[in-house]
C-alpha atoms as a PDB file:
ATOM      1  CA  UNK A   1     -23.690  -3.047 -10.445  1.00  0.00           C
ATOM      2  CA  UNK A   2     -21.849   0.050  -9.222  1.00  0.00           C
ATOM      3  CA  UNK A   3     -21.140   3.464 -10.672  1.00  0.00           C
ATOM      4  CA  UNK A   4     -17.418   4.135 -11.015  1.00  0.00           C
ATOM      5  CA  UNK A   5     -15.775   7.458 -11.729  1.00  0.00           C
ATOM      6  CA  UNK A   6     -12.342   7.173 -13.326  1.00  0.00           C
ATOM      7  CA  UNK A   7     -10.065  10.181 -13.487  1.00  0.00           C
ATOM      8  CA  UNK A   8      -7.686   9.957 -16.434  1.00  0.00           C
ATOM      9  CA  UNK A   9     -10.101   7.566 -18.162  1.00  0.00           C
ATOM     10  CA  UNK A  10      -8.711   8.435 -21.601  1.00  0.00           C
ATOM     11  CA  UNK A  11      -5.164   7.426 -20.690  1.00  0.00           C
ATOM     12  CA  UNK A  12      -3.287   4.139 -20.922  1.00  0.00           C
ATOM     13  CA  UNK A  13      -4.247   2.727 -17.520  1.00  0.00           C
ATOM     14  CA  UNK A  14      -7.610   4.481 -17.312  1.00  0.00           C
ATOM     15  CA  UNK A  15      -8.912   3.155 -20.624  1.00  0.00           C
ATOM     16  CA  UNK A  16      -7.955  -0.444 -19.801  1.00  0.00           C
ATOM     17  CA  UNK A  17      -9.624  -0.131 -16.391  1.00  0.00           C
ATOM     18  CA  UNK A  18     -12.792   1.273 -17.952  1.00  0.00           C
ATOM     19  CA  UNK A  19     -12.996  -1.598 -20.455  1.00  0.00           C
ATOM     20  CA  UNK A  20     -12.712  -4.182 -17.670  1.00  0.00           C
ATOM     21  CA  UNK A  21     -15.380  -2.517 -15.547  1.00  0.00           C
ATOM     22  CA  UNK A  22     -17.757  -2.351 -18.500  1.00  0.00           C
ATOM     23  CA  UNK A  23     -17.081  -6.004 -19.317  1.00  0.00           C
ATOM     24  CA  UNK A  24     -18.098  -6.910 -15.770  1.00  0.00           C
ATOM     25  CA  UNK A  25     -21.371  -5.013 -16.030  1.00  0.00           C
ATOM     26  CA  UNK A  26     -20.594  -1.817 -14.130  1.00  0.00           C
ATOM     27  CA  UNK A  27     -21.377   1.775 -15.057  1.00  0.00           C
ATOM     28  CA  UNK A  28     -18.421   4.025 -15.827  1.00  0.00           C
ATOM     29  CA  UNK A  29     -18.265   7.782 -15.675  1.00  0.00           C
ATOM     30  CA  UNK A  30     -15.035   9.217 -17.032  1.00  0.00           C
ATOM     31  CA  UNK A  31     -13.558  12.573 -16.058  1.00  0.00           C
ATOM     32  CA  UNK A  32     -11.842  14.231 -19.017  1.00  0.00           C
ATOM     33  CA  UNK A  33     -10.517  17.689 -19.797  1.00  0.00           C
ATOM     34  CA  UNK A  34     -11.791  19.606 -22.807  1.00  0.00           C
ATOM     35  CA  UNK A  35      -8.405  18.983 -24.469  1.00  0.00           C
ATOM     36  CA  UNK A  36      -8.305  15.228 -23.743  1.00  0.00           C
ATOM     37  CA  UNK A  37      -7.533  12.813 -26.579  1.00  0.00           C
ATOM     38  CA  UNK A  38     -10.384  10.249 -26.789  1.00  0.00           C
ATOM     39  CA  UNK A  39      -8.422   7.746 -28.944  1.00  0.00           C
ATOM     40  CA  UNK A  40      -8.306   4.956 -26.345  1.00  0.00           C
ATOM     41  CA  UNK A  41     -11.961   5.192 -25.238  1.00  0.00           C
ATOM     42  CA  UNK A  42     -13.670   5.807 -28.572  1.00  0.00           C
ATOM     43  CA  UNK A  43     -16.758   3.598 -28.883  1.00  0.00           C
ATOM     44  CA  UNK A  44     -16.892   2.638 -25.193  1.00  0.00           C
ATOM     45  CA  UNK A  45     -20.161   3.085 -23.289  1.00  0.00           C
ATOM     46  CA  UNK A  46     -18.729   5.655 -20.891  1.00  0.00           C
ATOM     47  CA  UNK A  47     -20.535   8.682 -19.500  1.00  0.00           C
ATOM     48  CA  UNK A  48     -17.949  11.380 -20.179  1.00  0.00           C
ATOM     49  CA  UNK A  49     -17.955  14.440 -17.938  1.00  0.00           C
ATOM     50  CA  UNK A  50     -15.724  17.475 -18.258  1.00  0.00           C
ATOM     51  CA  UNK A  51     -13.516  18.620 -15.425  1.00  0.00           C
ATOM     52  CA  UNK A  52      -9.956  19.067 -14.274  1.00  0.00           C
ATOM     53  CA  UNK A  53      -8.473  17.667 -11.083  1.00  0.00           C
ATOM     54  CA  UNK A  54      -6.564  20.925 -10.491  1.00  0.00           C
ATOM     55  CA  UNK A  55      -9.872  22.835 -10.529  1.00  0.00           C
ATOM     56  CA  UNK A  56     -11.905  21.773  -7.472  1.00  0.00           C
ATOM     57  CA  UNK A  57     -14.947  23.683  -8.699  1.00  0.00           C
ATOM     58  CA  UNK A  58     -15.221  21.363 -11.698  1.00  0.00           C
ATOM     59  CA  UNK A  59     -15.435  18.181  -9.622  1.00  0.00           C
ATOM     60  CA  UNK A  60     -18.371  18.342  -7.204  1.00  0.00           C
ATOM     61  CA  UNK A  61     -21.252  17.780  -9.640  1.00  0.00           C
ATOM     62  CA  UNK A  62     -19.353  15.024 -11.458  1.00  0.00           C
ATOM     63  CA  UNK A  63     -19.055  12.920  -8.301  1.00  0.00           C
ATOM     64  CA  UNK A  64     -22.740  12.825  -7.437  1.00  0.00           C
ATOM     65  CA  UNK A  65     -24.099   9.303  -7.159  1.00  0.00           C
ATOM     66  CA  UNK A  66     -20.667   7.670  -7.560  1.00  0.00           C
ATOM     67  CA  UNK A  67     -19.943   4.495  -5.573  1.00  0.00           C
ATOM     68  CA  UNK A  68     -16.212   4.091  -6.283  1.00  0.00           C
ATOM     69  CA  UNK A  69     -13.560   6.507  -7.524  1.00  0.00           C
ATOM     70  CA  UNK A  70     -10.491   5.162  -9.296  1.00  0.00           C
ATOM     71  CA  UNK A  71      -8.088   8.087  -9.300  1.00  0.00           C
ATOM     72  CA  UNK A  72      -5.559   7.561 -12.087  1.00  0.00           C
ATOM     73  CA  UNK A  73      -5.034  11.063 -13.490  1.00  0.00           C
ATOM     74  CA  UNK A  74      -1.610  12.458 -12.720  1.00  0.00           C
ATOM     75  CA  UNK A  75       1.623  13.747 -14.153  1.00  0.00           C
ATOM     76  CA  UNK A  76       3.971  10.825 -14.846  1.00  0.00           C
ATOM     77  CA  UNK A  77       7.265  11.986 -16.276  1.00  0.00           C
ATOM     78  CA  UNK A  78      10.977  11.930 -15.518  1.00  0.00           C
ATOM     79  CA  UNK A  79      11.362  15.622 -16.299  1.00  0.00           C
ATOM     80  CA  UNK A  80       9.678  18.894 -15.389  1.00  0.00           C
ATOM     81  CA  UNK A  81       9.382  21.573 -12.685  1.00  0.00           C
ATOM     82  CA  UNK A  82       8.412  20.486  -9.189  1.00  0.00           C
ATOM     83  CA  UNK A  83       5.475  22.915  -9.023  1.00  0.00           C
ATOM     84  CA  UNK A  84       3.817  21.346 -12.051  1.00  0.00           C
ATOM     85  CA  UNK A  85       4.081  17.872 -10.493  1.00  0.00           C
ATOM     86  CA  UNK A  86       2.825  19.196  -7.163  1.00  0.00           C
ATOM     87  CA  UNK A  87      -0.177  20.954  -8.694  1.00  0.00           C
ATOM     88  CA  UNK A  88      -1.326  17.779 -10.464  1.00  0.00           C
ATOM     89  CA  UNK A  89      -0.191  14.909  -8.244  1.00  0.00           C
ATOM     90  CA  UNK A  90      -0.651  16.455  -4.803  1.00  0.00           C
ATOM     91  CA  UNK A  91      -3.265  19.211  -5.149  1.00  0.00           C
ATOM     92  CA  UNK A  92      -5.169  17.251  -7.783  1.00  0.00           C
ATOM     93  CA  UNK A  93      -5.415  14.199  -5.528  1.00  0.00           C
ATOM     94  CA  UNK A  94      -6.572  16.362  -2.630  1.00  0.00           C
ATOM     95  CA  UNK A  95      -9.232  18.010  -4.763  1.00  0.00           C
ATOM     96  CA  UNK A  96     -10.670  14.704  -6.002  1.00  0.00           C
ATOM     97  CA  UNK A  97     -10.577  13.042  -2.567  1.00  0.00           C
ATOM     98  CA  UNK A  98     -12.261  15.962  -0.780  1.00  0.00           C
ATOM     99  CA  UNK A  99     -14.987  16.165  -3.433  1.00  0.00           C
ATOM    100  CA  UNK A 100     -15.472  12.392  -3.249  1.00  0.00           C
ATOM    101  CA  UNK A 101     -15.853  12.443   0.524  1.00  0.00           C
ATOM    102  CA  UNK A 102     -18.366  15.295   0.334  1.00  0.00           C
ATOM    103  CA  UNK A 103     -20.417  13.218  -2.111  1.00  0.00           C
ATOM    104  CA  UNK A 104     -20.306  10.172   0.187  1.00  0.00           C
ATOM    105  CA  UNK A 105     -18.302   8.013  -2.210  1.00  0.00           C
ATOM    106  CA  UNK A 106     -17.860   4.632  -0.548  1.00  0.00           C
ATOM    107  CA  UNK A 107     -14.376   3.708  -1.800  1.00  0.00           C
ATOM    108  CA  UNK A 108     -11.466   5.668  -3.255  1.00  0.00           C
ATOM    109  CA  UNK A 109      -8.770   3.685  -5.082  1.00  0.00           C
ATOM    110  CA  UNK A 110      -5.694   5.813  -5.645  1.00  0.00           C
ATOM    111  CA  UNK A 111      -3.137   4.833  -8.278  1.00  0.00           C
ATOM    112  CA  UNK A 112       0.156   5.737  -6.671  1.00  0.00           C
ATOM    113  CA  UNK A 113       3.538   4.329  -7.790  1.00  0.00           C
ATOM    114  CA  UNK A 114       6.243   1.931  -6.653  1.00  0.00           C
ATOM    115  CA  UNK A 115       8.552   4.918  -7.245  1.00  0.00           C
ATOM    116  CA  UNK A 116       7.509   6.308  -3.844  1.00  0.00           C
ATOM    117  CA  UNK A 117      10.194   3.963  -2.483  1.00  0.00           C
ATOM    118  CA  UNK A 118      12.922   5.645  -4.543  1.00  0.00           C
ATOM    119  CA  UNK A 119      15.768   3.939  -6.373  1.00  0.00           C
ATOM    120  CA  UNK A 120      18.189   3.067  -3.594  1.00  0.00           C
ATOM    121  CA  UNK A 121      18.888  -0.438  -4.845  1.00  0.00           C
ATOM    122  CA  UNK A 122      16.761  -3.232  -3.351  1.00  0.00           C
ATOM    123  CA  UNK A 123      15.117  -6.576  -4.099  1.00  0.00           C
ATOM    124  CA  UNK A 124      11.828  -7.941  -2.742  1.00  0.00           C
ATOM    125  CA  UNK A 125      10.990  -4.683  -0.987  1.00  0.00           C
ATOM    126  CA  UNK A 126       7.504  -4.687   0.507  1.00  0.00           C
ATOM    127  CA  UNK A 127       4.996  -1.955   1.320  1.00  0.00           C
ATOM    128  CA  UNK A 128       6.719  -1.218   4.644  1.00  0.00           C
ATOM    129  CA  UNK A 129      10.026  -0.469   2.896  1.00  0.00           C
ATOM    130  CA  UNK A 130      11.042   3.163   3.592  1.00  0.00           C
ATOM    131  CA  UNK A 131       9.927   5.904   1.234  1.00  0.00           C
ATOM    132  CA  UNK A 132      13.325   7.494   0.837  1.00  0.00           C
ATOM    133  CA  UNK A 133      13.800  11.071  -0.352  1.00  0.00           C
ATOM    134  CA  UNK A 134      14.822  11.507  -3.984  1.00  0.00           C
ATOM    135  CA  UNK A 135      15.656  14.460  -6.257  1.00  0.00           C
ATOM    136  CA  UNK A 136      12.806  13.448  -8.552  1.00  0.00           C
ATOM    137  CA  UNK A 137       9.550  15.480  -8.475  1.00  0.00           C
ATOM    138  CA  UNK A 138       7.463  12.523  -9.645  1.00  0.00           C
ATOM    139  CA  UNK A 139       8.582  10.291  -6.766  1.00  0.00           C
ATOM    140  CA  UNK A 140       8.255  13.027  -4.162  1.00  0.00           C
ATOM    141  CA  UNK A 141       4.802  14.237  -5.196  1.00  0.00           C
ATOM    142  CA  UNK A 142       3.355  10.742  -5.492  1.00  0.00           C
ATOM    143  CA  UNK A 143       4.689  10.037  -2.010  1.00  0.00           C
ATOM    144  CA  UNK A 144       3.215  13.230  -0.539  1.00  0.00           C
ATOM    145  CA  UNK A 145      -0.138  12.602  -2.206  1.00  0.00           C
ATOM    146  CA  UNK A 146      -0.437   9.053  -0.897  1.00  0.00           C
ATOM    147  CA  UNK A 147       0.593  10.004   2.643  1.00  0.00           C
ATOM    148  CA  UNK A 148      -1.886  12.883   2.691  1.00  0.00           C
ATOM    149  CA  UNK A 149      -4.658  10.641   1.381  1.00  0.00           C
ATOM    150  CA  UNK A 150      -4.308   8.072   4.160  1.00  0.00           C
ATOM    151  CA  UNK A 151      -4.238  10.859   6.758  1.00  0.00           C
ATOM    152  CA  UNK A 152      -7.362  12.357   5.206  1.00  0.00           C
ATOM    153  CA  UNK A 153      -9.124   8.982   5.205  1.00  0.00           C
ATOM    154  CA  UNK A 154      -9.004   8.929   9.009  1.00  0.00           C
ATOM    155  CA  UNK A 155     -11.286  11.973   9.066  1.00  0.00           C
ATOM    156  CA  UNK A 156     -13.954  10.491   6.770  1.00  0.00           C
ATOM    157  CA  UNK A 157     -16.047   7.363   6.287  1.00  0.00           C
ATOM    158  CA  UNK A 158     -14.610   6.865   2.803  1.00  0.00           C
ATOM    159  CA  UNK A 159     -12.595   3.676   2.320  1.00  0.00           C
ATOM    160  CA  UNK A 160      -9.188   4.440   0.817  1.00  0.00           C
ATOM    161  CA  UNK A 161      -6.785   2.062  -0.927  1.00  0.00           C
ATOM    162  CA  UNK A 162      -3.536   2.813  -2.772  1.00  0.00           C
ATOM    163  CA  UNK A 163      -2.077   0.773  -5.615  1.00  0.00           C
ATOM    164  CA  UNK A 164       1.660   1.143  -6.277  1.00  0.00           C
ATOM    165  CA  UNK A 165       2.353  -0.254  -9.753  1.00  0.00           C
ATOM    166  CA  UNK A 166       5.820  -1.181 -10.941  1.00  0.00           C
ATOM    167  CA  UNK A 167       6.938  -0.354 -14.495  1.00  0.00           C
ATOM    168  CA  UNK A 168       3.689  -0.671 -16.445  1.00  0.00           C
ATOM    169  CA  UNK A 169       3.731  -1.807 -20.070  1.00  0.00           C
ATOM    170  CA  UNK A 170       1.376  -3.133 -22.710  1.00  0.00           C
ATOM    171  CA  UNK A 171      -0.798  -2.119 -25.665  1.00  0.00           C
ATOM    172  CA  UNK A 172      -1.495   1.629 -25.938  1.00  0.00           C
ATOM    173  CA  UNK A 173       1.551   2.505 -23.826  1.00  0.00           C
ATOM    174  CA  UNK A 174       3.041   5.463 -25.665  1.00  0.00           C
ATOM    175  CA  UNK A 175       4.962   6.736 -22.633  1.00  0.00           C
ATOM    176  CA  UNK A 176       7.363   3.831 -22.045  1.00  0.00           C
ATOM    177  CA  UNK A 177       7.133   0.700 -24.161  1.00  0.00           C
ATOM    178  CA  UNK A 178       6.550   2.262 -27.573  1.00  0.00           C
ATOM    179  CA  UNK A 179       9.600   4.491 -27.182  1.00  0.00           C
ATOM    180  CA  UNK A 180      11.613   1.611 -25.731  1.00  0.00           C
ATOM    181  CA  UNK A 181      10.834  -0.662 -28.675  1.00  0.00           C
ATOM    182  CA  UNK A 182      11.571   2.160 -31.122  1.00  0.00           C
ATOM    183  CA  UNK A 183      15.002   2.507 -29.529  1.00  0.00           C
ATOM    184  CA  UNK A 184      15.519  -1.265 -29.525  1.00  0.00           C
ATOM    185  CA  UNK A 185      14.793  -1.513 -33.250  1.00  0.00           C
ATOM    186  CA  UNK A 186      16.951   1.540 -34.007  1.00  0.00           C
ATOM    187  CA  UNK A 187      19.780   0.034 -31.908  1.00  0.00           C
ATOM    188  CA  UNK A 188      19.834   3.040 -29.610  1.00  0.00           C
ATOM    189  CA  UNK A 189      19.567   1.091 -26.351  1.00  0.00           C
ATOM    190  CA  UNK A 190      22.529   0.581 -24.043  1.00  0.00           C
ATOM    191  CA  UNK A 191      22.373  -1.404 -20.826  1.00  0.00           C
ATOM    192  CA  UNK A 192      23.583  -0.026 -17.528  1.00  0.00           C
ATOM    193  CA  UNK A 193      26.070  -2.349 -15.816  1.00  0.00           C
ATOM    194  CA  UNK A 194      25.329  -4.987 -18.440  1.00  0.00           C
ATOM    195  CA  UNK A 195      21.602  -4.941 -17.691  1.00  0.00           C
ATOM    196  CA  UNK A 196      22.113  -7.021 -14.543  1.00  0.00           C
ATOM    197  CA  UNK A 197      19.846  -5.004 -12.237  1.00  0.00           C
ATOM    198  CA  UNK A 198      16.466  -6.412 -11.268  1.00  0.00           C
ATOM    199  CA  UNK A 199      13.384  -4.553 -12.463  1.00  0.00           C
ATOM    200  CA  UNK A 200       9.650  -4.701 -11.772  1.00  0.00           C
ATOM    201  CA  UNK A 201       7.488  -4.916 -14.903  1.00  0.00           C
ATOM    202  CA  UNK A 202       3.722  -5.175 -14.650  1.00  0.00           C
ATOM    203  CA  UNK A 203       1.639  -5.953 -17.720  1.00  0.00           C
ATOM    204  CA  UNK A 204      -1.407  -3.702 -18.015  1.00  0.00           C
ATOM    205  CA  UNK A 205      -3.971  -6.520 -17.747  1.00  0.00           C
ATOM    206  CA  UNK A 206      -2.339  -7.739 -14.547  1.00  0.00           C
ATOM    207  CA  UNK A 207      -2.342  -4.233 -13.117  1.00  0.00           C
ATOM    208  CA  UNK A 208      -6.045  -3.898 -13.913  1.00  0.00           C
ATOM    209  CA  UNK A 209      -6.640  -7.186 -12.074  1.00  0.00           C
ATOM    210  CA  UNK A 210      -5.011  -5.621  -9.012  1.00  0.00           C
ATOM    211  CA  UNK A 211      -7.041  -2.426  -9.371  1.00  0.00           C
ATOM    212  CA  UNK A 212     -10.278  -4.375  -9.681  1.00  0.00           C
ATOM    213  CA  UNK A 213      -9.555  -6.358  -6.555  1.00  0.00           C
ATOM    214  CA  UNK A 214      -8.735  -3.153  -4.680  1.00  0.00           C
ATOM    215  CA  UNK A 215     -12.176  -1.848  -5.671  1.00  0.00           C
ATOM    216  CA  UNK A 216     -14.055  -4.775  -4.130  1.00  0.00           C
ATOM    217  CA  UNK A 217     -12.007  -6.633  -1.519  1.00  0.00           C
ATOM    218  CA  UNK A 218     -12.915  -5.690   2.052  1.00  0.00           C
ATOM    219  CA  UNK A 219      -9.328  -6.265   3.193  1.00  0.00           C
ATOM    220  CA  UNK A 220      -8.109  -3.523   0.832  1.00  0.00           C
ATOM    221  CA  UNK A 221      -9.467  -0.732   3.009  1.00  0.00           C
ATOM    222  CA  UNK A 222      -6.741   1.447   4.508  1.00  0.00           C
ATOM    223  CA  UNK A 223      -3.959  -0.468   2.764  1.00  0.00           C
ATOM    224  CA  UNK A 224      -1.361   0.140   0.055  1.00  0.00           C
ATOM    225  CA  UNK A 225      -0.383  -2.620  -2.360  1.00  0.00           C
ATOM    226  CA  UNK A 226       2.602  -3.076  -4.631  1.00  0.00           C
ATOM    227  CA  UNK A 227       1.469  -4.587  -7.927  1.00  0.00           C
ATOM    228  CA  UNK A 228       3.960  -6.149 -10.357  1.00  0.00           C
ATOM    229  CA  UNK A 229       4.128  -9.318 -12.427  1.00  0.00           C
ATOM    230  CA  UNK A 230       5.961 -10.998  -9.548  1.00  0.00           C
ATOM    231  CA  UNK A 231       9.042 -11.792 -11.634  1.00  0.00           C
ATOM    232  CA  UNK A 232      12.688 -12.008 -10.627  1.00  0.00           C
ATOM    233  CA  UNK A 233      13.931 -10.457 -13.846  1.00  0.00           C
ATOM    234  CA  UNK A 234      16.785  -8.221 -14.963  1.00  0.00           C
ATOM    235  CA  UNK A 235      16.581  -5.403 -17.481  1.00  0.00           C
ATOM    236  CA  UNK A 236      18.660  -7.516 -19.877  1.00  0.00           C
ATOM    237  CA  UNK A 237      16.256 -10.455 -19.642  1.00  0.00           C
ATOM    238  CA  UNK A 238      13.230  -8.196 -20.023  1.00  0.00           C
ATOM    239  CA  UNK A 239      14.704  -6.481 -23.084  1.00  0.00           C
ATOM    240  CA  UNK A 240      15.797  -9.734 -24.734  1.00  0.00           C
ATOM    241  CA  UNK A 241      12.243 -11.078 -24.579  1.00  0.00           C
ATOM    242  CA  UNK A 242      11.179  -8.137 -26.736  1.00  0.00           C
ATOM    243  CA  UNK A 243      14.206  -8.330 -29.038  1.00  0.00           C
ATOM    244  CA  UNK A 244      13.507 -11.998 -29.745  1.00  0.00           C
ATOM    245  CA  UNK A 245       9.798 -11.392 -30.364  1.00  0.00           C
ATOM    246  CA  UNK A 246      10.623  -8.483 -32.687  1.00  0.00           C
ATOM    247  CA  UNK A 247      13.304 -10.624 -34.347  1.00  0.00           C
ATOM    248  CA  UNK A 248      16.000  -8.002 -33.893  1.00  0.00           C
ATOM    249  CA  UNK A 249      19.536  -8.597 -32.714  1.00  0.00           C
ATOM    250  CA  UNK A 250      20.056  -8.637 -28.955  1.00  0.00           C
ATOM    251  CA  UNK A 251      21.909  -5.581 -27.683  1.00  0.00           C
ATOM    252  CA  UNK A 252      25.317  -5.939 -25.993  1.00  0.00           C
ATOM    253  CA  UNK A 253      26.332  -2.298 -25.478  1.00  0.00           C
ATOM    254  CA  UNK A 254      26.726  -1.354 -21.810  1.00  0.00           C
ATOM    255  CA  UNK A 255      27.656   1.719 -19.764  1.00  0.00           C
ATOM    256  CA  UNK A 256      28.708   1.743 -16.124  1.00  0.00           C
ATOM    257  CA  UNK A 257      26.242   3.347 -13.735  1.00  0.00           C
ATOM    258  CA  UNK A 258      28.509   6.190 -12.432  1.00  0.00           C
ATOM    259  CA  UNK A 259      29.297   7.325 -15.982  1.00  0.00           C
ATOM    260  CA  UNK A 260      25.648   7.134 -17.098  1.00  0.00           C
ATOM    261  CA  UNK A 261      24.456   9.029 -14.022  1.00  0.00           C
ATOM    262  CA  UNK A 262      27.110  11.677 -14.512  1.00  0.00           C
ATOM    263  CA  UNK A 263      26.140  12.149 -18.154  1.00  0.00           C
ATOM    264  CA  UNK A 264      22.472  12.434 -17.219  1.00  0.00           C
ATOM    265  CA  UNK A 265      23.280  15.011 -14.551  1.00  0.00           C
ATOM    266  CA  UNK A 266      25.249  17.059 -17.102  1.00  0.00           C
ATOM    267  CA  UNK A 267      22.384  16.910 -19.588  1.00  0.00           C
ATOM    268  CA  UNK A 268      19.950  18.106 -16.923  1.00  0.00           C
ATOM    269  CA  UNK A 269      22.170  21.027 -15.920  1.00  0.00           C
ATOM    270  CA  UNK A 270      22.475  22.164 -19.541  1.00  0.00           C
ATOM    271  CA  UNK A 271      18.748  21.824 -20.205  1.00  0.00           C
ATOM    272  CA  UNK A 272      17.902  23.843 -17.091  1.00  0.00           C
ATOM    273  CA  UNK A 273      20.542  26.449 -17.913  1.00  0.00           C
ATOM    274  CA  UNK A 274      19.080  27.000 -21.369  1.00  0.00           C
ATOM    275  CA  UNK A 275      15.487  26.530 -20.141  1.00  0.00           C
ATOM    276  CA  UNK A 276      14.721  23.677 -22.520  1.00  0.00           C
ATOM    277  CA  UNK A 277      11.245  22.291 -21.794  1.00  0.00           C
ATOM    278  CA  UNK A 278      11.605  18.935 -23.589  1.00  0.00           C
ATOM    279  CA  UNK A 279      13.211  16.064 -21.631  1.00  0.00           C
ATOM    280  CA  UNK A 280      16.967  15.500 -22.087  1.00  0.00           C
ATOM    281  CA  UNK A 281      18.264  12.456 -23.924  1.00  0.00           C
ATOM    282  CA  UNK A 282      19.270  11.074 -20.521  1.00  0.00           C
ATOM    283  CA  UNK A 283      17.770  11.844 -17.114  1.00  0.00           C
ATOM    284  CA  UNK A 284      18.882  10.768 -13.652  1.00  0.00           C
ATOM    285  CA  UNK A 285      15.433   9.249 -13.068  1.00  0.00           C
ATOM    286  CA  UNK A 286      15.824   6.999 -16.102  1.00  0.00           C
ATOM    287  CA  UNK A 287      19.360   6.007 -15.171  1.00  0.00           C
ATOM    288  CA  UNK A 288      18.385   5.336 -11.540  1.00  0.00           C
ATOM    289  CA  UNK A 289      15.450   3.146 -12.583  1.00  0.00           C
ATOM    290  CA  UNK A 290      17.669   0.984 -14.802  1.00  0.00           C
ATOM    291  CA  UNK A 291      20.935   1.275 -12.908  1.00  0.00           C
ATOM    292  CA  UNK A 292      19.877   0.007  -9.490  1.00  0.00           C
ATOM    293  CA  UNK A 293      17.917  -3.040  -8.358  1.00  0.00           C
ATOM    294  CA  UNK A 294      14.295  -1.810  -8.285  1.00  0.00           C
ATOM    295  CA  UNK A 295      12.240  -4.843  -7.359  1.00  0.00           C
ATOM    296  CA  UNK A 296       9.273  -5.557  -5.105  1.00  0.00           C
ATOM    297  CA  UNK A 297       7.413  -8.360  -3.372  1.00  0.00           C
ATOM    298  CA  UNK A 298       3.713  -8.849  -4.169  1.00  0.00           C
ATOM    299  CA  UNK A 299       3.055 -11.154  -1.219  1.00  0.00           C
ATOM    300  CA  UNK A 300       0.766  -8.651   0.510  1.00  0.00           C
ATOM    301  CA  UNK A 301      -1.389  -8.325  -2.614  1.00  0.00           C
ATOM    302  CA  UNK A 302      -1.483 -12.102  -2.913  1.00  0.00           C
ATOM    303  CA  UNK A 303      -2.497 -12.485   0.707  1.00  0.00           C
ATOM    304  CA  UNK A 304      -5.088  -9.712   1.088  1.00  0.00           C
ATOM    305  CA  UNK A 305      -6.323  -9.123  -2.464  1.00  0.00           C
ATOM    306  CA  UNK A 306      -5.917 -12.707  -3.701  1.00  0.00           C
ATOM    307  CA  UNK A 307      -4.009 -11.151  -6.589  1.00  0.00           C
ATOM    308  CA  UNK A 308      -2.085 -13.408  -8.936  1.00  0.00           C
ATOM    309  CA  UNK A 309      -0.652 -12.198 -12.260  1.00  0.00           C
ATOM    310  CA  UNK A 310      -2.700 -14.117 -14.814  1.00  0.00           C
ATOM    311  CA  UNK A 311      -0.891 -13.003 -17.978  1.00  0.00           C
ATOM    312  CA  UNK A 312       2.597 -14.493 -18.058  1.00  0.00           C
ATOM    313  CA  UNK A 313       5.578 -12.704 -19.555  1.00  0.00           C
ATOM    314  CA  UNK A 314       5.676 -14.511 -22.917  1.00  0.00           C
ATOM    315  CA  UNK A 315       2.014 -13.750 -23.565  1.00  0.00           C
ATOM    316  CA  UNK A 316       2.400 -10.162 -22.358  1.00  0.00           C
ATOM    317  CA  UNK A 317       5.355  -9.587 -24.678  1.00  0.00           C
ATOM    318  CA  UNK A 318       3.494 -11.204 -27.606  1.00  0.00           C
ATOM    319  CA  UNK A 319       0.408  -9.016 -27.109  1.00  0.00           C
ATOM    320  CA  UNK A 320       2.508  -5.883 -26.723  1.00  0.00           C
ATOM    321  CA  UNK A 321       4.589  -6.567 -29.826  1.00  0.00           C
ATOM    322  CA  UNK A 322       1.473  -7.399 -31.863  1.00  0.00           C
ATOM    323  CA  UNK A 323      -0.008  -4.012 -30.884  1.00  0.00           C
ATOM    324  CA  UNK A 324       3.276  -2.213 -31.551  1.00  0.00           C
ATOM    325  CA  UNK A 325       3.717  -3.715 -35.009  1.00  0.00           C
ATOM    326  CA  UNK A 326       0.111  -2.978 -35.968  1.00  0.00           C
ATOM    327  CA  UNK A 327       0.528   0.615 -34.769  1.00  0.00           C
ATOM    328  CA  UNK A 328       3.690   1.088 -36.833  1.00  0.00           C
ATOM    329  CA  UNK A 329       1.941  -0.393 -39.874  1.00  0.00           C
ATOM    330  CA  UNK A 330      -0.903   2.101 -39.502  1.00  0.00           C
ATOM    331  CA  UNK A 331       1.526   4.995 -39.020  1.00  0.00           C
ATOM    332  CA  UNK A 332       3.428   3.906 -42.110  1.00  0.00           C
ATOM    333  CA  UNK A 333       0.241   3.779 -44.206  1.00  0.00           C
ATOM    334  CA  UNK A 334      -0.827   7.200 -42.940  1.00  0.00           C
ATOM    335  CA  UNK A 335       2.505   8.667 -44.062  1.00  0.00           C
ATOM    336  CA  UNK A 336       2.249   7.290 -47.605  1.00  0.00           C
END
């Protein structure tokens, strides 16, 4: 039995990770801000401690006695000022890692992102694939944070591992899949280039499997791992699985990539010009993710972590749709 500290424990990935650790008999300490929403972790046997990754002074005492840190907290968005991303994703990671090393934490598992590789158009890219520069603050700051972390690890005895998830989805995902299914039902989805580009979904339970293995496998030390569901799947195929499960008509509307990218660029210029803080209807990040092949190999994770996606796509879609429909039912009842 080990004591784990999870940053971002109240979030989508953090709450699922905490549940798995508790199920396997471990102790979980969760770092939350005073303003954090406890919806996903209500009723779980978690020792909640208050702190903020951008405030190093709030971290030291919360890391005492911890065996493993799973650092999930971060700013994940396709829109916002670079400084805000840098403060959270880069400085926040540094603050947690330095405090962890001072407290002699044995292992530090950092949740990075497959987006560190950019959206240049590729299939079966592995962990050695170049981290190309992008105009997207999320990609750039996740890249900087991970690179700094591995450099820092060489100066300490702390074991460091990075997990680079693909496009995560599943129950409690309000950031991506809930909005995507809303748009699918409302017939507001259009494919880019007919939806032919390969994508890299990872169901939340499969991602947690990868995270768990990174926490315990000796071979994980000093390594980064891409974690997806291991599928060769296009955006059209992925979307049609959900349309069929929801029993809504499959979408056929398509826009060519250059036009979609140009529209997104125009939206961004206007939003910046008028200093609008909410994300535009279209962003270049969103268009790049869906308008280029963005697909990765999980062979390294299979080889070193013995990772194998256990929840197959049909089951993952079923579980996600069941959650989505129950959530909409509850929202409907609340509005009556």
